[in-house]
PDB file of N, CA and C in Angstrom:
ATOM      1  N   MET A   1      10.921 -35.444  -2.276  1.00  0.00           N
ATOM      2  CA  MET A   1      10.919 -33.928  -2.188  1.00  0.00           C
ATOM      3  C   MET A   1      12.006 -33.417  -1.305  1.00  0.00           C
ATOM      4  N   SER A   2      12.691 -32.473  -1.579  1.00  0.00           N
ATOM      5  CA  SER A   2      13.896 -31.927  -0.806  1.00  0.00           C
ATOM      6  C   SER A   2      13.365 -31.133   0.246  1.00  0.00           C
ATOM      7  N   GLU A   3      14.128 -30.896   1.335  1.00  0.00           N
ATOM      8  CA  GLU A   3      13.823 -30.186   2.480  1.00  0.00           C
ATOM      9  C   GLU A   3      13.649 -28.664   2.244  1.00  0.00           C
ATOM     10  N   ARG A   4      12.669 -28.105   2.696  1.00  0.00           N
ATOM     11  CA  ARG A   4      12.246 -26.672   2.376  1.00  0.00           C
ATOM     12  C   ARG A   4      13.326 -25.763   3.029  1.00  0.00           C
ATOM     13  N   PHE A   5      13.750 -24.755   2.249  1.00  0.00           N
ATOM     14  CA  PHE A   5      14.837 -23.824   2.774  1.00  0.00           C
ATOM     15  C   PHE A   5      14.123 -22.390   2.940  1.00  0.00           C
ATOM     16  N   TYR A   6      13.881 -22.105   4.240  1.00  0.00           N
ATOM     17  CA  TYR A   6      13.402 -20.771   4.526  1.00  0.00           C
ATOM     18  C   TYR A   6      14.432 -19.689   4.514  1.00  0.00           C
ATOM     19  N   LEU A   7      14.315 -18.516   3.943  1.00  0.00           N
ATOM     20  CA  LEU A   7      14.900 -17.332   4.103  1.00  0.00           C
ATOM     21  C   LEU A   7      14.724 -16.591   5.376  1.00  0.00           C
ATOM     22  N   TYR A   8      13.381 -16.693   5.734  1.00  0.00           N
ATOM     23  CA  TYR A   8      13.036 -16.208   7.051  1.00  0.00           C
ATOM     24  C   TYR A   8      11.510 -16.665   7.317  1.00  0.00           C
ATOM     25  N   ASP A   9      11.267 -16.822   8.582  1.00  0.00           N
ATOM     26  CA  ASP A   9       9.874 -17.333   9.053  1.00  0.00           C
ATOM     27  C   ASP A   9       9.704 -16.521  10.395  1.00  0.00           C
ATOM     28  N   GLU A  10       9.102 -15.499  10.419  1.00  0.00           N
ATOM     29  CA  GLU A  10       8.855 -14.672  11.622  1.00  0.00           C
ATOM     30  C   GLU A  10       7.382 -14.326  11.765  1.00  0.00           C
ATOM     31  N   THR A  11       7.128 -14.126  12.921  1.00  0.00           N
ATOM     32  CA  THR A  11       5.670 -13.724  13.318  1.00  0.00           C
ATOM     33  C   THR A  11       5.832 -12.338  14.003  1.00  0.00           C
ATOM     34  N   GLU A  12       4.969 -11.349  13.776  1.00  0.00           N
ATOM     35  CA  GLU A  12       5.090 -10.031  14.216  1.00  0.00           C
ATOM     36  C   GLU A  12       3.745  -9.496  14.521  1.00  0.00           C
ATOM     37  N   ASP A  13       3.495  -8.770  15.670  1.00  0.00           N
ATOM     38  CA  ASP A  13       2.123  -8.198  15.634  1.00  0.00           C
ATOM     39  C   ASP A  13       2.141  -6.904  14.834  1.00  0.00           C
ATOM     40  N   THR A  14       1.068  -6.740  14.201  1.00  0.00           N
ATOM     41  CA  THR A  14       0.917  -5.604  13.275  1.00  0.00           C
ATOM     42  C   THR A  14      -0.333  -4.756  13.617  1.00  0.00           C
ATOM     43  N   LYS A  15      -0.438  -3.604  13.056  1.00  0.00           N
ATOM     44  CA  LYS A  15      -1.656  -2.804  13.231  1.00  0.00           C
ATOM     45  C   LYS A  15      -2.155  -2.556  11.865  1.00  0.00           C
ATOM     46  N   THR A  16      -3.480  -2.895  11.617  1.00  0.00           N
ATOM     47  CA  THR A  16      -4.146  -2.806  10.255  1.00  0.00           C
ATOM     48  C   THR A  16      -5.342  -1.799  10.390  1.00  0.00           C
ATOM     49  N   ARG A  17      -5.242  -0.854   9.310  1.00  0.00           N
ATOM     50  CA  ARG A  17      -6.340   0.159   9.402  1.00  0.00           C
ATOM     51  C   ARG A  17      -7.244  -0.187   8.059  1.00  0.00           C
ATOM     52  N   PHE A  18      -8.396  -0.423   8.103  1.00  0.00           N
ATOM     53  CA  PHE A  18      -9.287  -0.573   6.859  1.00  0.00           C
ATOM     54  C   PHE A  18     -10.072   0.696   6.642  1.00  0.00           C
ATOM     55  N   VAL A  19      -9.961   1.163   5.438  1.00  0.00           N
ATOM     56  CA  VAL A  19     -10.590   2.491   5.290  1.00  0.00           C
ATOM     57  C   VAL A  19     -11.061   2.310   3.681  1.00  0.00           C
ATOM     58  N   SER A  20     -12.302   2.939   3.594  1.00  0.00           N
ATOM     59  CA  SER A  20     -12.971   2.944   2.305  1.00  0.00           C
ATOM     60  C   SER A  20     -13.271   4.368   1.933  1.00  0.00           C
ATOM     61  N   PHE A  21     -13.160   4.924   0.741  1.00  0.00           N
ATOM     62  CA  PHE A  21     -13.516   6.271   0.457  1.00  0.00           C
ATOM     63  C   PHE A  21     -13.708   6.322  -1.000  1.00  0.00           C
ATOM     64  N   MET A  22     -14.667   7.355  -1.307  1.00  0.00           N
ATOM     65  CA  MET A  22     -14.876   7.524  -2.707  1.00  0.00           C
ATOM     66  C   MET A  22     -14.393   8.932  -3.274  1.00  0.00           C
ATOM     67  N   GLY A  23     -13.420   8.703  -4.189  1.00  0.00           N
ATOM     68  CA  GLY A  23     -12.871   9.926  -4.907  1.00  0.00           C
ATOM     69  C   GLY A  23     -13.705  10.358  -5.895  1.00  0.00           C
ATOM     70  N   ASP A  24     -13.248  11.398  -6.781  1.00  0.00           N
ATOM     71  CA  ASP A  24     -14.122  11.923  -7.859  1.00  0.00           C
ATOM     72  C   ASP A  24     -14.140  10.871  -9.031  1.00  0.00           C
ATOM     73  N   HIS A  25     -13.051  10.137  -9.053  1.00  0.00           N
ATOM     74  CA  HIS A  25     -12.990   9.035 -10.224  1.00  0.00           C
ATOM     75  C   HIS A  25     -13.135   7.658  -9.788  1.00  0.00           C
ATOM     76  N   GLN A  26     -12.929   7.219  -8.510  1.00  0.00           N
ATOM     77  CA  GLN A  26     -12.892   5.818  -8.168  1.00  0.00           C
ATOM     78  C   GLN A  26     -13.108   5.614  -6.670  1.00  0.00           C
ATOM     79  N   ARG A  27     -13.637   4.487  -6.378  1.00  0.00           N
ATOM     80  CA  ARG A  27     -13.703   4.223  -4.912  1.00  0.00           C
ATOM     81  C   ARG A  27     -12.454   3.380  -4.634  1.00  0.00           C
ATOM     82  N   PHE A  28     -11.949   3.618  -3.367  1.00  0.00           N
ATOM     83  CA  PHE A  28     -10.699   3.038  -2.857  1.00  0.00           C
ATOM     84  C   PHE A  28     -11.237   2.170  -1.568  1.00  0.00           C
ATOM     85  N   ASP A  29     -10.835   0.890  -1.528  1.00  0.00           N
ATOM     86  CA  ASP A  29     -11.050   0.063  -0.335  1.00  0.00           C
ATOM     87  C   ASP A  29      -9.652  -0.563  -0.041  1.00  0.00           C
ATOM     88  N   LEU A  30      -8.948   0.087   1.114  1.00  0.00           N
ATOM     89  CA  LEU A  30      -7.605  -0.169   1.416  1.00  0.00           C
ATOM     90  C   LEU A  30      -7.538  -0.908   2.793  1.00  0.00           C
ATOM     91  N   ALA A  31      -6.452  -1.685   2.934  1.00  0.00           N
ATOM     92  CA  ALA A  31      -6.079  -2.096   4.276  1.00  0.00           C
ATOM     93  C   ALA A  31      -4.592  -1.509   4.339  1.00  0.00           C
ATOM     94  N   ILE A  32      -4.296  -0.791   5.387  1.00  0.00           N
ATOM     95  CA  ILE A  32      -3.111  -0.086   5.477  1.00  0.00           C
ATOM     96  C   ILE A  32      -2.350  -0.815   6.835  1.00  0.00           C
ATOM     97  N   ILE A  33      -1.282  -1.587   6.516  1.00  0.00           N
ATOM     98  CA  ILE A  33      -0.591  -2.371   7.523  1.00  0.00           C
ATOM     99  C   ILE A  33       0.570  -1.743   8.025  1.00  0.00           C
ATOM    100  N   SER A  34       0.737  -1.527   9.277  1.00  0.00           N
ATOM    101  CA  SER A  34       1.924  -0.913   9.929  1.00  0.00           C
ATOM    102  C   SER A  34       2.766  -1.995  10.603  1.00  0.00           C
ATOM    103  N   SER A  35       3.994  -2.023  10.368  1.00  0.00           N
ATOM    104  CA  SER A  35       4.779  -3.035  10.855  1.00  0.00           C
ATOM    105  C   SER A  35       6.225  -2.575  10.962  1.00  0.00           C
ATOM    106  N   SER A  36       7.063  -3.059  11.758  1.00  0.00           N
ATOM    107  CA  SER A  36       8.408  -2.634  11.922  1.00  0.00           C
ATOM    108  C   SER A  36       9.327  -3.318  10.709  1.00  0.00           C
ATOM    109  N   ARG A  37       8.746  -4.121  10.066  1.00  0.00           N
ATOM    110  CA  ARG A  37       9.656  -4.777   8.877  1.00  0.00           C
ATOM    111  C   ARG A  37       9.957  -3.928   7.913  1.00  0.00           C
ATOM    112  N   TYR A  38       9.196  -2.908   7.519  1.00  0.00           N
ATOM    113  CA  TYR A  38       9.479  -2.109   6.296  1.00  0.00           C
ATOM    114  C   TYR A  38      10.102  -0.920   6.482  1.00  0.00           C
ATOM    115  N   TYR A  39      10.821  -0.659   7.570  1.00  0.00           N
ATOM    116  CA  TYR A  39      11.667   0.462   7.901  1.00  0.00           C
ATOM    117  C   TYR A  39      10.815   1.853   7.701  1.00  0.00           C
ATOM    118  N   GLY A  40       9.621   1.746   8.447  1.00  0.00           N
ATOM    119  CA  GLY A  40       8.828   2.968   8.677  1.00  0.00           C
ATOM    120  C   GLY A  40       7.903   3.216   7.540  1.00  0.00           C
ATOM    121  N   LYS A  41       7.979   2.357   6.501  1.00  0.00           N
ATOM    122  CA  LYS A  41       6.890   2.297   5.498  1.00  0.00           C
ATOM    123  C   LYS A  41       5.729   1.515   5.778  1.00  0.00           C
ATOM    124  N   GLN A  42       4.707   1.654   5.002  1.00  0.00           N
ATOM    125  CA  GLN A  42       3.370   0.855   5.315  1.00  0.00           C
ATOM    126  C   GLN A  42       3.214   0.017   4.128  1.00  0.00           C
ATOM    127  N   LEU A  43       2.528  -1.031   4.425  1.00  0.00           N
ATOM    128  CA  LEU A  43       2.079  -2.029   3.275  1.00  0.00           C
ATOM    129  C   LEU A  43       0.607  -1.547   3.107  1.00  0.00           C
ATOM    130  N   VAL A  44       0.259  -1.079   1.799  1.00  0.00           N
ATOM    131  CA  VAL A  44      -0.960  -0.568   1.472  1.00  0.00           C
ATOM    132  C   VAL A  44      -1.547  -1.544   0.522  1.00  0.00           C
ATOM    133  N   LEU A  45      -2.723  -2.245   0.758  1.00  0.00           N
ATOM    134  CA  LEU A  45      -3.390  -3.165  -0.039  1.00  0.00           C
ATOM    135  C   LEU A  45      -4.719  -2.431  -0.557  1.00  0.00           C
ATOM    136  N   ASP A  46      -4.752  -2.580  -1.964  1.00  0.00           N
ATOM    137  CA  ASP A  46      -6.118  -2.106  -2.508  1.00  0.00           C
ATOM    138  C   ASP A  46      -6.925  -3.327  -2.719  1.00  0.00           C
ATOM    139  N   VAL A  47      -7.933  -3.550  -1.933  1.00  0.00           N
ATOM    140  CA  VAL A  47      -8.766  -4.761  -1.945  1.00  0.00           C
ATOM    141  C   VAL A  47      -9.568  -4.880  -3.159  1.00  0.00           C
ATOM    142  N   GLN A  48      -9.929  -3.745  -3.730  1.00  0.00           N
ATOM    143  CA  GLN A  48     -10.724  -3.884  -4.995  1.00  0.00           C
ATOM    144  C   GLN A  48      -9.925  -4.326  -6.167  1.00  0.00           C
ATOM    145  N   SER A  49      -8.595  -3.911  -6.489  1.00  0.00           N
ATOM    146  CA  SER A  49      -7.856  -4.275  -7.572  1.00  0.00           C
ATOM    147  C   SER A  49      -6.934  -5.483  -7.266  1.00  0.00           C
ATOM    148  N   ASN A  50      -6.788  -5.759  -5.963  1.00  0.00           N
ATOM    149  CA  ASN A  50      -5.972  -6.905  -5.422  1.00  0.00           C
ATOM    150  C   ASN A  50      -4.489  -6.612  -5.812  1.00  0.00           C
ATOM    151  N   ARG A  51      -4.206  -5.353  -5.515  1.00  0.00           N
ATOM    152  CA  ARG A  51      -2.782  -4.883  -5.730  1.00  0.00           C
ATOM    153  C   ARG A  51      -2.305  -4.310  -4.229  1.00  0.00           C
ATOM    154  N   PHE A  52      -0.930  -4.165  -4.271  1.00  0.00           N
ATOM    155  CA  PHE A  52      -0.369  -3.798  -2.937  1.00  0.00           C
ATOM    156  C   PHE A  52       1.030  -3.115  -3.280  1.00  0.00           C
ATOM    157  N   ALA A  53       1.418  -2.291  -2.402  1.00  0.00           N
ATOM    158  CA  ALA A  53       2.727  -1.685  -2.523  1.00  0.00           C
ATOM    159  C   ALA A  53       3.185  -1.402  -1.057  1.00  0.00           C
ATOM    160  N   ILE A  54       4.509  -1.339  -0.815  1.00  0.00           N
ATOM    161  CA  ILE A  54       5.054  -0.803   0.392  1.00  0.00           C
ATOM    162  C   ILE A  54       5.460   0.709   0.144  1.00  0.00           C
ATOM    163  N   ILE A  55       4.776   1.523   0.983  1.00  0.00           N
ATOM    164  CA  ILE A  55       4.701   3.005   0.664  1.00  0.00           C
ATOM    165  C   ILE A  55       5.219   3.837   1.802  1.00  0.00           C
ATOM    166  N   GLY A  56       6.114   4.778   1.583  1.00  0.00           N
ATOM    167  CA  GLY A  56       6.555   5.773   2.582  1.00  0.00           C
ATOM    168  C   GLY A  56       6.385   7.123   1.768  1.00  0.00           C
ATOM    169  N   GLN A  57       6.623   8.272   2.577  1.00  0.00           N
ATOM    170  CA  GLN A  57       6.525   9.499   1.958  1.00  0.00           C
ATOM    171  C   GLN A  57       7.508   9.773   0.690  1.00  0.00           C
ATOM    172  N   ASP A  58       8.654   9.143   0.797  1.00  0.00           N
ATOM    173  CA  ASP A  58       9.450   9.272  -0.410  1.00  0.00           C
ATOM    174  C   ASP A  58       8.750   8.654  -1.744  1.00  0.00           C
ATOM    175  N   ASP A  59       7.931   7.500  -1.494  1.00  0.00           N
ATOM    176  CA  ASP A  59       7.414   6.964  -2.640  1.00  0.00           C
ATOM    177  C   ASP A  59       6.195   7.716  -3.145  1.00  0.00           C
ATOM    178  N   LEU A  60       5.538   8.540  -2.182  1.00  0.00           N
ATOM    179  CA  LEU A  60       4.512   9.415  -2.655  1.00  0.00           C
ATOM    180  C   LEU A  60       5.057  10.456  -3.483  1.00  0.00           C
ATOM    181  N   ASP A  61       6.338  10.829  -3.365  1.00  0.00           N
ATOM    182  CA  ASP A  61       6.908  11.978  -4.105  1.00  0.00           C
ATOM    183  C   ASP A  61       7.458  11.444  -5.417  1.00  0.00           C
ATOM    184  N   GLU A  62       7.549  10.114  -5.561  1.00  0.00           N
ATOM    185  CA  GLU A  62       8.044   9.517  -6.909  1.00  0.00           C
ATOM    186  C   GLU A  62       7.171   9.563  -7.808  1.00  0.00           C
ATOM    187  N   GLU A  63       7.415  10.222  -9.004  1.00  0.00           N
ATOM    188  CA  GLU A  63       6.501  10.401 -10.209  1.00  0.00           C
ATOM    189  C   GLU A  63       6.176   9.031 -10.688  1.00  0.00           C
ATOM    190  N   GLY A  64       4.911   8.748 -10.771  1.00  0.00           N
ATOM    191  CA  GLY A  64       4.380   7.556 -11.543  1.00  0.00           C
ATOM    192  C   GLY A  64       4.388   6.404 -10.669  1.00  0.00           C
ATOM    193  N   TYR A  65       4.850   6.389  -9.444  1.00  0.00           N
ATOM    194  CA  TYR A  65       4.810   5.154  -8.587  1.00  0.00           C
ATOM    195  C   TYR A  65       3.423   4.731  -8.225  1.00  0.00           C
ATOM    196  N   LEU A  66       2.580   5.407  -7.802  1.00  0.00           N
ATOM    197  CA  LEU A  66       1.240   4.985  -7.530  1.00  0.00           C
ATOM    198  C   LEU A  66       0.594   4.482  -8.946  1.00  0.00           C
ATOM    199  N   GLU A  67       0.740   5.205 -10.033  1.00  0.00           N
ATOM    200  CA  GLU A  67       0.157   4.823 -11.251  1.00  0.00           C
ATOM    201  C   GLU A  67       0.573   3.397 -11.620  1.00  0.00           C
ATOM    202  N   HIS A  68       1.764   3.140 -11.499  1.00  0.00           N
ATOM    203  CA  HIS A  68       2.404   1.853 -11.794  1.00  0.00           C
ATOM    204  C   HIS A  68       1.896   0.766 -10.914  1.00  0.00           C
ATOM    205  N   ALA A  69       2.069   0.996  -9.644  1.00  0.00           N
ATOM    206  CA  ALA A  69       1.763  -0.008  -8.476  1.00  0.00           C
ATOM    207  C   ALA A  69       0.525  -0.501  -8.490  1.00  0.00           C
ATOM    208  N   TYR A  70      -0.562   0.451  -8.774  1.00  0.00           N
ATOM    209  CA  TYR A  70      -1.973   0.106  -8.698  1.00  0.00           C
ATOM    210  C   TYR A  70      -2.710   0.178  -9.883  1.00  0.00           C
ATOM    211  N   ARG A  71      -1.918   0.455 -11.093  1.00  0.00           N
ATOM    212  CA  ARG A  71      -2.461   0.613 -12.350  1.00  0.00           C
ATOM    213  C   ARG A  71      -3.646   1.639 -12.476  1.00  0.00           C
ATOM    214  N   LEU A  72      -3.267   2.753 -12.020  1.00  0.00           N
ATOM    215  CA  LEU A  72      -4.176   3.920 -11.932  1.00  0.00           C
ATOM    216  C   LEU A  72      -4.042   4.943 -12.860  1.00  0.00           C
ATOM    217  N   SER A  73      -4.920   5.761 -13.390  1.00  0.00           N
ATOM    218  CA  SER A  73      -4.628   6.913 -14.303  1.00  0.00           C
ATOM    219  C   SER A  73      -4.074   7.995 -13.352  1.00  0.00           C
ATOM    220  N   ALA A  74      -3.629   9.066 -13.865  1.00  0.00           N
ATOM    221  CA  ALA A  74      -3.002  10.186 -13.227  1.00  0.00           C
ATOM    222  C   ALA A  74      -3.927  10.780 -12.226  1.00  0.00           C
ATOM    223  N   GLU A  75      -5.239  10.893 -12.568  1.00  0.00           N
ATOM    224  CA  GLU A  75      -6.251  11.548 -11.758  1.00  0.00           C
ATOM    225  C   GLU A  75      -6.561  10.626 -10.540  1.00  0.00           C
ATOM    226  N   GLU A  76      -6.788   9.379 -10.936  1.00  0.00           N
ATOM    227  CA  GLU A  76      -6.953   8.458  -9.768  1.00  0.00           C
ATOM    228  C   GLU A  76      -5.943   8.365  -8.740  1.00  0.00           C
ATOM    229  N   ALA A  77      -4.718   8.246  -9.336  1.00  0.00           N
ATOM    230  CA  ALA A  77      -3.418   8.215  -8.479  1.00  0.00           C
ATOM    231  C   ALA A  77      -3.362   9.440  -7.562  1.00  0.00           C
ATOM    232  N   GLU A  78      -3.683  10.640  -8.134  1.00  0.00           N
ATOM    233  CA  GLU A  78      -3.624  11.776  -7.201  1.00  0.00           C
ATOM    234  C   GLU A  78      -4.556  11.736  -6.073  1.00  0.00           C
ATOM    235  N   GLU A  79      -5.696  11.209  -6.401  1.00  0.00           N
ATOM    236  CA  GLU A  79      -6.757  11.106  -5.236  1.00  0.00           C
ATOM    237  C   GLU A  79      -6.167  10.071  -4.302  1.00  0.00           C
ATOM    238  N   LEU A  80      -5.559   8.966  -4.543  1.00  0.00           N
ATOM    239  CA  LEU A  80      -5.017   8.112  -3.563  1.00  0.00           C
ATOM    240  C   LEU A  80      -3.827   8.851  -2.864  1.00  0.00           C
ATOM    241  N   ARG A  81      -2.877   9.369  -3.733  1.00  0.00           N
ATOM    242  CA  ARG A  81      -1.725  10.255  -3.060  1.00  0.00           C
ATOM    243  C   ARG A  81      -2.193  11.185  -2.081  1.00  0.00           C
ATOM    244  N   ASP A  82      -3.151  11.986  -2.286  1.00  0.00           N
ATOM    245  CA  ASP A  82      -3.715  13.008  -1.357  1.00  0.00           C
ATOM    246  C   ASP A  82      -4.152  12.370  -0.028  1.00  0.00           C
ATOM    247  N   PHE A  83      -4.839  11.272  -0.156  1.00  0.00           N
ATOM    248  CA  PHE A  83      -5.236  10.499   0.984  1.00  0.00           C
ATOM    249  C   PHE A  83      -4.105   9.965   1.689  1.00  0.00           C
ATOM    250  N   LEU A  84      -3.097   9.275   1.094  1.00  0.00           N
ATOM    251  CA  LEU A  84      -2.031   8.684   1.689  1.00  0.00           C
ATOM    252  C   LEU A  84      -1.138   9.640   2.322  1.00  0.00           C
ATOM    253  N   ARG A  85      -0.944  10.767   1.901  1.00  0.00           N
ATOM    254  CA  ARG A  85      -0.148  11.741   2.371  1.00  0.00           C
ATOM    255  C   ARG A  85      -0.628  12.034   3.865  1.00  0.00           C
ATOM    256  N   GLU A  86      -1.838  11.856   4.079  1.00  0.00           N
ATOM    257  CA  GLU A  86      -2.463  12.186   5.466  1.00  0.00           C
ATOM    258  C   GLU A  86      -2.141  10.978   6.483  1.00  0.00           C
ATOM    259  N   VAL A  87      -1.934   9.661   5.950  1.00  0.00           N
ATOM    260  CA  VAL A  87      -1.788   8.703   6.853  1.00  0.00           C
ATOM    261  C   VAL A  87      -0.547   7.864   6.953  1.00  0.00           C
ATOM    262  N   VAL A  88       0.260   8.205   5.823  1.00  0.00           N
ATOM    263  CA  VAL A  88       1.583   7.430   5.777  1.00  0.00           C
ATOM    264  C   VAL A  88       2.714   8.237   6.497  1.00  0.00           C
TER     265      VAL A  88
END
């Protein structure tokens, strides 16, 4: 076996917020991770669907972004978008 080639291997202290809420269409169980790695954006994990995305305000304004990243309907994505606008 050849020697492993790392692009990077760093450890960083992060802040994680766990939040669960029920929208009109779906329940969301999220882990929101703040780190300096993503240029002010946050890593948002949806524990229920096992999906994640790196999200900033600009991503919330991008049409279809949440629908694609989390495989949500337009209504479900709007509920998530409304919540994330408060915390991102």
